[in-house]
């Protein structure tokens, strides 16, 4: 194991994969609206979907998919549709009235769908995965990167969920809750625009 390369990979993944994007912002919104416990299914779905992206990058499936001209526009359309639907529901969410929150928390299926179709995840993971060499052999290098980045996926997404839940106590006031929901929904749409344009 190349320890300096490992440290570089961890720092790069925190900076690139941990920056605000559709999944992280939606986890923050879920945490603030529904709390950690009610959002665990959504977190598990996002982690599973993002891990699928990681495995696709590691095995070269990403390059093969992007070589098919019709795949990228369909992929972006599905992702954009779900992100816009999610942003609408975040914007319309009522104030948190108790620890249980109001309304239905997003589920694992929605998290899985967003994790797999999140364009930022594909770009960020591909960039981070290509950047460091942790071991001499190709297979051991890929396995080490997958292990480290899978752990980072869990850590980064859980941190955003907990950060969102830490806002919950401040969202008892309906006006403040509405403002936070609108900011999070707007940030979610903005993150989509940045990723699609970038």
C-alpha atoms as a PDB file:
ATOM      1  CA  UNK A   1       0.000   0.000   0.000  1.00  0.00           C
ATOM      2  CA  UNK A   2       1.291   3.422  -0.946  1.00  0.00           C
ATOM      3  CA  UNK A   3       0.350   5.470   2.110  1.00  0.00           C
ATOM      4  CA  UNK A   4       1.027   8.882   0.583  1.00  0.00           C
ATOM      5  CA  UNK A   5      -1.180   7.995  -2.399  1.00  0.00           C
ATOM      6  CA  UNK A   6      -3.856   6.755   0.041  1.00  0.00           C
ATOM      7  CA  UNK A   7      -3.813  10.087   1.887  1.00  0.00           C
ATOM      8  CA  UNK A   8      -4.068  11.937  -1.444  1.00  0.00           C
ATOM      9  CA  UNK A   9      -7.000   9.752  -2.509  1.00  0.00           C
ATOM     10  CA  UNK A  10      -8.863  10.421   0.753  1.00  0.00           C
ATOM     11  CA  UNK A  11      -8.298  14.193   0.526  1.00  0.00           C
ATOM     12  CA  UNK A  12      -9.318  14.261  -3.153  1.00  0.00           C
ATOM     13  CA  UNK A  13     -12.455  12.235  -2.469  1.00  0.00           C
ATOM     14  CA  UNK A  14     -13.449  14.548   0.378  1.00  0.00           C
ATOM     15  CA  UNK A  15     -12.958  17.611  -1.808  1.00  0.00           C
ATOM     16  CA  UNK A  16     -14.500  16.296  -5.022  1.00  0.00           C
ATOM     17  CA  UNK A  17     -17.043  13.666  -3.962  1.00  0.00           C
ATOM     18  CA  UNK A  18     -17.910  15.493  -0.724  1.00  0.00           C
ATOM     19  CA  UNK A  19     -18.691  18.833  -2.332  1.00  0.00           C
ATOM     20  CA  UNK A  20     -22.352  19.837  -2.673  1.00  0.00           C
ATOM     21  CA  UNK A  21     -24.206  17.992  -5.397  1.00  0.00           C
ATOM     22  CA  UNK A  22     -27.625  16.431  -6.006  1.00  0.00           C
ATOM     23  CA  UNK A  23     -27.157  13.487  -3.597  1.00  0.00           C
ATOM     24  CA  UNK A  24     -25.490  15.403  -0.777  1.00  0.00           C
ATOM     25  CA  UNK A  25     -27.961  18.283  -0.906  1.00  0.00           C
ATOM     26  CA  UNK A  26     -30.929  15.900  -1.026  1.00  0.00           C
ATOM     27  CA  UNK A  27     -29.543  14.058   2.025  1.00  0.00           C
ATOM     28  CA  UNK A  28     -29.199  17.371   3.861  1.00  0.00           C
ATOM     29  CA  UNK A  29     -32.802  18.195   2.979  1.00  0.00           C
ATOM     30  CA  UNK A  30     -34.029  14.743   4.045  1.00  0.00           C
ATOM     31  CA  UNK A  31     -32.172  15.015   7.341  1.00  0.00           C
ATOM     32  CA  UNK A  32     -33.547  18.483   8.076  1.00  0.00           C
ATOM     33  CA  UNK A  33     -37.116  17.536   7.160  1.00  0.00           C
ATOM     34  CA  UNK A  34     -37.321  14.008   8.570  1.00  0.00           C
ATOM     35  CA  UNK A  35     -34.354  13.405  10.871  1.00  0.00           C
ATOM     36  CA  UNK A  36     -31.649  10.771  10.613  1.00  0.00           C
ATOM     37  CA  UNK A  37     -33.692   7.732  11.644  1.00  0.00           C
ATOM     38  CA  UNK A  38     -36.495   8.265   9.115  1.00  0.00           C
ATOM     39  CA  UNK A  39     -33.964   9.013   6.359  1.00  0.00           C
ATOM     40  CA  UNK A  40     -31.746   5.942   6.850  1.00  0.00           C
ATOM     41  CA  UNK A  41     -33.464   4.063   4.020  1.00  0.00           C
ATOM     42  CA  UNK A  42     -32.819   6.968   1.675  1.00  0.00           C
ATOM     43  CA  UNK A  43     -29.193   7.124   2.830  1.00  0.00           C
ATOM     44  CA  UNK A  44     -28.794   3.388   2.209  1.00  0.00           C
ATOM     45  CA  UNK A  45     -30.219   3.816  -1.288  1.00  0.00           C
ATOM     46  CA  UNK A  46     -27.899   6.728  -2.126  1.00  0.00           C
ATOM     47  CA  UNK A  47     -24.890   4.777  -0.802  1.00  0.00           C
ATOM     48  CA  UNK A  48     -25.883   1.659  -2.773  1.00  0.00           C
ATOM     49  CA  UNK A  49     -26.475   3.632  -5.982  1.00  0.00           C
ATOM     50  CA  UNK A  50     -23.212   5.542  -5.651  1.00  0.00           C
ATOM     51  CA  UNK A  51     -21.383   2.281  -4.989  1.00  0.00           C
ATOM     52  CA  UNK A  52     -22.846   0.918  -8.235  1.00  0.00           C
ATOM     53  CA  UNK A  53     -21.326   3.961  -9.968  1.00  0.00           C
ATOM     54  CA  UNK A  54     -17.993   3.255  -8.277  1.00  0.00           C
ATOM     55  CA  UNK A  55     -18.037  -0.362  -9.474  1.00  0.00           C
ATOM     56  CA  UNK A  56     -19.000   0.734 -12.992  1.00  0.00           C
ATOM     57  CA  UNK A  57     -16.046   3.124 -13.051  1.00  0.00           C
ATOM     58  CA  UNK A  58     -13.669   0.512 -11.600  1.00  0.00           C
ATOM     59  CA  UNK A  59     -14.621  -2.167 -14.120  1.00  0.00           C
ATOM     60  CA  UNK A  60     -14.599   0.092 -17.173  1.00  0.00           C
ATOM     61  CA  UNK A  61     -18.361  -0.095 -17.743  1.00  0.00           C
ATOM     62  CA  UNK A  62     -18.521   3.710 -17.629  1.00  0.00           C
ATOM     63  CA  UNK A  63     -16.283   4.092 -20.662  1.00  0.00           C
ATOM     64  CA  UNK A  64     -18.320   1.511 -22.579  1.00  0.00           C
ATOM     65  CA  UNK A  65     -21.642   3.211 -21.717  1.00  0.00           C
ATOM     66  CA  UNK A  66     -20.437   6.662 -22.664  1.00  0.00           C
ATOM     67  CA  UNK A  67     -19.262   5.325 -26.025  1.00  0.00           C
ATOM     68  CA  UNK A  68     -22.931   4.749 -26.991  1.00  0.00           C
ATOM     69  CA  UNK A  69     -24.217   8.162 -28.204  1.00  0.00           C
ATOM     70  CA  UNK A  70     -27.853   7.655 -27.119  1.00  0.00           C
ATOM     71  CA  UNK A  71     -27.019   6.676 -23.526  1.00  0.00           C
ATOM     72  CA  UNK A  72     -25.763  10.001 -22.166  1.00  0.00           C
ATOM     73  CA  UNK A  73     -28.837  12.116 -23.103  1.00  0.00           C
ATOM     74  CA  UNK A  74     -31.236   9.471 -21.729  1.00  0.00           C
ATOM     75  CA  UNK A  75     -29.190   9.178 -18.571  1.00  0.00           C
ATOM     76  CA  UNK A  76     -29.131  12.961 -18.053  1.00  0.00           C
ATOM     77  CA  UNK A  77     -32.878  13.240 -18.752  1.00  0.00           C
ATOM     78  CA  UNK A  78     -33.723  10.559 -16.162  1.00  0.00           C
ATOM     79  CA  UNK A  79     -31.415  12.146 -13.623  1.00  0.00           C
ATOM     80  CA  UNK A  80     -32.720  15.664 -14.245  1.00  0.00           C
ATOM     81  CA  UNK A  81     -36.325  14.507 -14.006  1.00  0.00           C
ATOM     82  CA  UNK A  82     -35.816  12.848 -10.641  1.00  0.00           C
ATOM     83  CA  UNK A  83     -33.742  15.724  -9.243  1.00  0.00           C
ATOM     84  CA  UNK A  84     -36.387  18.272 -10.294  1.00  0.00           C
ATOM     85  CA  UNK A  85     -39.150  16.105  -8.780  1.00  0.00           C
ATOM     86  CA  UNK A  86     -37.144  15.834  -5.564  1.00  0.00           C
ATOM     87  CA  UNK A  87     -36.456  19.598  -5.487  1.00  0.00           C
ATOM     88  CA  UNK A  88     -40.183  20.296  -5.881  1.00  0.00           C
ATOM     89  CA  UNK A  89     -41.023  18.028  -2.938  1.00  0.00           C
ATOM     90  CA  UNK A  90     -38.288  19.570  -0.805  1.00  0.00           C
ATOM     91  CA  UNK A  91     -39.594  23.066  -1.577  1.00  0.00           C
ATOM     92  CA  UNK A  92     -43.151  22.042  -0.681  1.00  0.00           C
ATOM     93  CA  UNK A  93     -42.255  20.144   2.521  1.00  0.00           C
ATOM     94  CA  UNK A  94     -44.045  21.494   5.616  1.00  0.00           C
ATOM     95  CA  UNK A  95     -42.260  22.662   8.768  1.00  0.00           C
ATOM     96  CA  UNK A  96     -40.893  19.947  11.010  1.00  0.00           C
ATOM     97  CA  UNK A  97     -43.374  19.597  13.842  1.00  0.00           C
ATOM     98  CA  UNK A  98     -41.723  16.868  15.856  1.00  0.00           C
ATOM     99  CA  UNK A  99     -38.830  14.438  15.808  1.00  0.00           C
ATOM    100  CA  UNK A 100     -40.877  12.347  13.395  1.00  0.00           C
ATOM    101  CA  UNK A 101     -41.202  15.160  10.879  1.00  0.00           C
ATOM    102  CA  UNK A 102     -44.100  15.789   8.561  1.00  0.00           C
ATOM    103  CA  UNK A 103     -44.910  13.877   5.412  1.00  0.00           C
ATOM    104  CA  UNK A 104     -43.248  10.819   3.989  1.00  0.00           C
ATOM    105  CA  UNK A 105     -39.471  10.571   4.078  1.00  0.00           C
ATOM    106  CA  UNK A 106     -37.826   9.605   0.782  1.00  0.00           C
ATOM    107  CA  UNK A 107     -37.144   5.879   0.552  1.00  0.00           C
ATOM    108  CA  UNK A 108     -34.350   3.556  -0.436  1.00  0.00           C
ATOM    109  CA  UNK A 109     -35.603   3.169  -4.017  1.00  0.00           C
ATOM    110  CA  UNK A 110     -35.458   6.924  -4.614  1.00  0.00           C
ATOM    111  CA  UNK A 111     -31.999   7.083  -3.066  1.00  0.00           C
ATOM    112  CA  UNK A 112     -30.801   4.194  -5.224  1.00  0.00           C
ATOM    113  CA  UNK A 113     -32.186   5.835  -8.359  1.00  0.00           C
ATOM    114  CA  UNK A 114     -30.546   9.169  -7.540  1.00  0.00           C
ATOM    115  CA  UNK A 115     -27.257   7.474  -6.625  1.00  0.00           C
ATOM    116  CA  UNK A 116     -27.096   5.659  -9.958  1.00  0.00           C
ATOM    117  CA  UNK A 117     -28.299   8.548 -12.138  1.00  0.00           C
ATOM    118  CA  UNK A 118     -26.462  11.366 -10.340  1.00  0.00           C
ATOM    119  CA  UNK A 119     -24.220  12.884 -13.036  1.00  0.00           C
ATOM    120  CA  UNK A 120     -21.927  14.450 -10.420  1.00  0.00           C
ATOM    121  CA  UNK A 121     -21.229  11.025  -8.915  1.00  0.00           C
ATOM    122  CA  UNK A 122     -20.102   9.639 -12.270  1.00  0.00           C
ATOM    123  CA  UNK A 123     -17.823  12.590 -12.969  1.00  0.00           C
ATOM    124  CA  UNK A 124     -16.421  12.873  -9.436  1.00  0.00           C
ATOM    125  CA  UNK A 125     -15.765   9.170  -8.959  1.00  0.00           C
ATOM    126  CA  UNK A 126     -14.185   8.805 -12.396  1.00  0.00           C
ATOM    127  CA  UNK A 127     -11.889  11.746 -11.663  1.00  0.00           C
ATOM    128  CA  UNK A 128     -10.881  10.549  -8.202  1.00  0.00           C
ATOM    129  CA  UNK A 129     -10.512   6.903  -9.269  1.00  0.00           C
ATOM    130  CA  UNK A 130      -8.113   7.785 -12.081  1.00  0.00           C
ATOM    131  CA  UNK A 131      -5.986  10.031  -9.895  1.00  0.00           C
ATOM    132  CA  UNK A 132      -4.030   7.782  -7.524  1.00  0.00           C
ATOM    133  CA  UNK A 133      -2.165   4.494  -7.597  1.00  0.00           C
ATOM    134  CA  UNK A 134      -2.409   2.631  -4.288  1.00  0.00           C
ATOM    135  CA  UNK A 135      -0.725  -0.660  -5.247  1.00  0.00           C
ATOM    136  CA  UNK A 136       1.593  -2.030  -7.926  1.00  0.00           C
ATOM    137  CA  UNK A 137      -0.680  -4.660  -9.498  1.00  0.00           C
ATOM    138  CA  UNK A 138      -3.663  -3.497 -11.570  1.00  0.00           C
ATOM    139  CA  UNK A 139      -6.155  -5.738  -9.737  1.00  0.00           C
ATOM    140  CA  UNK A 140      -4.849  -4.932  -6.248  1.00  0.00           C
ATOM    141  CA  UNK A 141      -4.772  -1.224  -7.111  1.00  0.00           C
ATOM    142  CA  UNK A 142      -8.401  -1.300  -8.302  1.00  0.00           C
ATOM    143  CA  UNK A 143      -9.558  -3.319  -5.264  1.00  0.00           C
ATOM    144  CA  UNK A 144      -7.783  -0.953  -2.863  1.00  0.00           C
ATOM    145  CA  UNK A 145      -9.362   2.079  -4.542  1.00  0.00           C
ATOM    146  CA  UNK A 146     -12.819   0.496  -4.477  1.00  0.00           C
ATOM    147  CA  UNK A 147     -12.465  -0.300  -0.748  1.00  0.00           C
ATOM    148  CA  UNK A 148     -11.276   3.204   0.157  1.00  0.00           C
ATOM    149  CA  UNK A 149     -13.820   5.010  -2.018  1.00  0.00           C
ATOM    150  CA  UNK A 150     -16.702   2.809  -0.818  1.00  0.00           C
ATOM    151  CA  UNK A 151     -15.848   3.795   2.757  1.00  0.00           C
ATOM    152  CA  UNK A 152     -15.679   7.458   1.695  1.00  0.00           C
ATOM    153  CA  UNK A 153     -19.096   7.185   0.029  1.00  0.00           C
ATOM    154  CA  UNK A 154     -20.615   6.026   3.330  1.00  0.00           C
ATOM    155  CA  UNK A 155     -18.762   8.659   5.393  1.00  0.00           C
ATOM    156  CA  UNK A 156     -19.497  11.591   3.080  1.00  0.00           C
ATOM    157  CA  UNK A 157     -23.201  10.841   2.594  1.00  0.00           C
ATOM    158  CA  UNK A 158     -23.828  10.051   6.273  1.00  0.00           C
ATOM    159  CA  UNK A 159     -22.134  13.313   7.248  1.00  0.00           C
ATOM    160  CA  UNK A 160     -24.408  15.334   4.946  1.00  0.00           C
ATOM    161  CA  UNK A 161     -27.480  13.568   6.383  1.00  0.00           C
ATOM    162  CA  UNK A 162     -26.408  14.284   9.970  1.00  0.00           C
ATOM    163  CA  UNK A 163     -25.630  17.897   9.044  1.00  0.00           C
ATOM    164  CA  UNK A 164     -29.146  18.262   7.692  1.00  0.00           C
ATOM    165  CA  UNK A 165     -30.637  16.686  10.804  1.00  0.00           C
ATOM    166  CA  UNK A 166     -28.733  19.199  12.944  1.00  0.00           C
ATOM    167  CA  UNK A 167     -30.868  21.908  11.304  1.00  0.00           C
ATOM    168  CA  UNK A 168     -34.107  20.226  12.387  1.00  0.00           C
ATOM    169  CA  UNK A 169     -34.321  21.982  15.764  1.00  0.00           C
ATOM    170  CA  UNK A 170     -34.178  25.340  14.019  1.00  0.00           C
ATOM    171  CA  UNK A 171     -36.995  24.454  11.647  1.00  0.00           C
ATOM    172  CA  UNK A 172     -39.927  24.497  14.050  1.00  0.00           C
ATOM    173  CA  UNK A 173     -40.918  27.953  12.797  1.00  0.00           C
ATOM    174  CA  UNK A 174     -42.871  27.518   9.532  1.00  0.00           C
ATOM    175  CA  UNK A 175     -41.342  30.644   7.909  1.00  0.00           C
ATOM    176  CA  UNK A 176     -37.794  29.556   8.692  1.00  0.00           C
ATOM    177  CA  UNK A 177     -38.548  26.004   7.555  1.00  0.00           C
ATOM    178  CA  UNK A 178     -40.005  27.290   4.278  1.00  0.00           C
ATOM    179  CA  UNK A 179     -36.925  29.458   3.670  1.00  0.00           C
ATOM    180  CA  UNK A 180     -34.534  26.556   4.342  1.00  0.00           C
ATOM    181  CA  UNK A 181     -36.576  24.214   2.140  1.00  0.00           C
ATOM    182  CA  UNK A 182     -36.540  26.734  -0.711  1.00  0.00           C
ATOM    183  CA  UNK A 183     -32.778  27.270  -0.357  1.00  0.00           C
ATOM    184  CA  UNK A 184     -32.120  23.514  -0.360  1.00  0.00           C
ATOM    185  CA  UNK A 185     -34.429  22.966  -3.345  1.00  0.00           C
ATOM    186  CA  UNK A 186     -32.762  25.816  -5.214  1.00  0.00           C
ATOM    187  CA  UNK A 187     -29.295  24.449  -4.363  1.00  0.00           C
ATOM    188  CA  UNK A 188     -30.353  21.033  -5.643  1.00  0.00           C
ATOM    189  CA  UNK A 189     -31.492  22.489  -8.976  1.00  0.00           C
ATOM    190  CA  UNK A 190     -28.350  24.652  -9.166  1.00  0.00           C
ATOM    191  CA  UNK A 191     -26.133  21.615  -8.574  1.00  0.00           C
ATOM    192  CA  UNK A 192     -27.879  19.867 -11.459  1.00  0.00           C
ATOM    193  CA  UNK A 193     -27.320  22.870 -13.746  1.00  0.00           C
ATOM    194  CA  UNK A 194     -23.622  23.042 -12.793  1.00  0.00           C
ATOM    195  CA  UNK A 195     -23.072  19.341 -13.440  1.00  0.00           C
ATOM    196  CA  UNK A 196     -24.961  19.303 -16.758  1.00  0.00           C
ATOM    197  CA  UNK A 197     -23.186  22.431 -18.035  1.00  0.00           C
ATOM    198  CA  UNK A 198     -19.767  21.343 -16.728  1.00  0.00           C
END
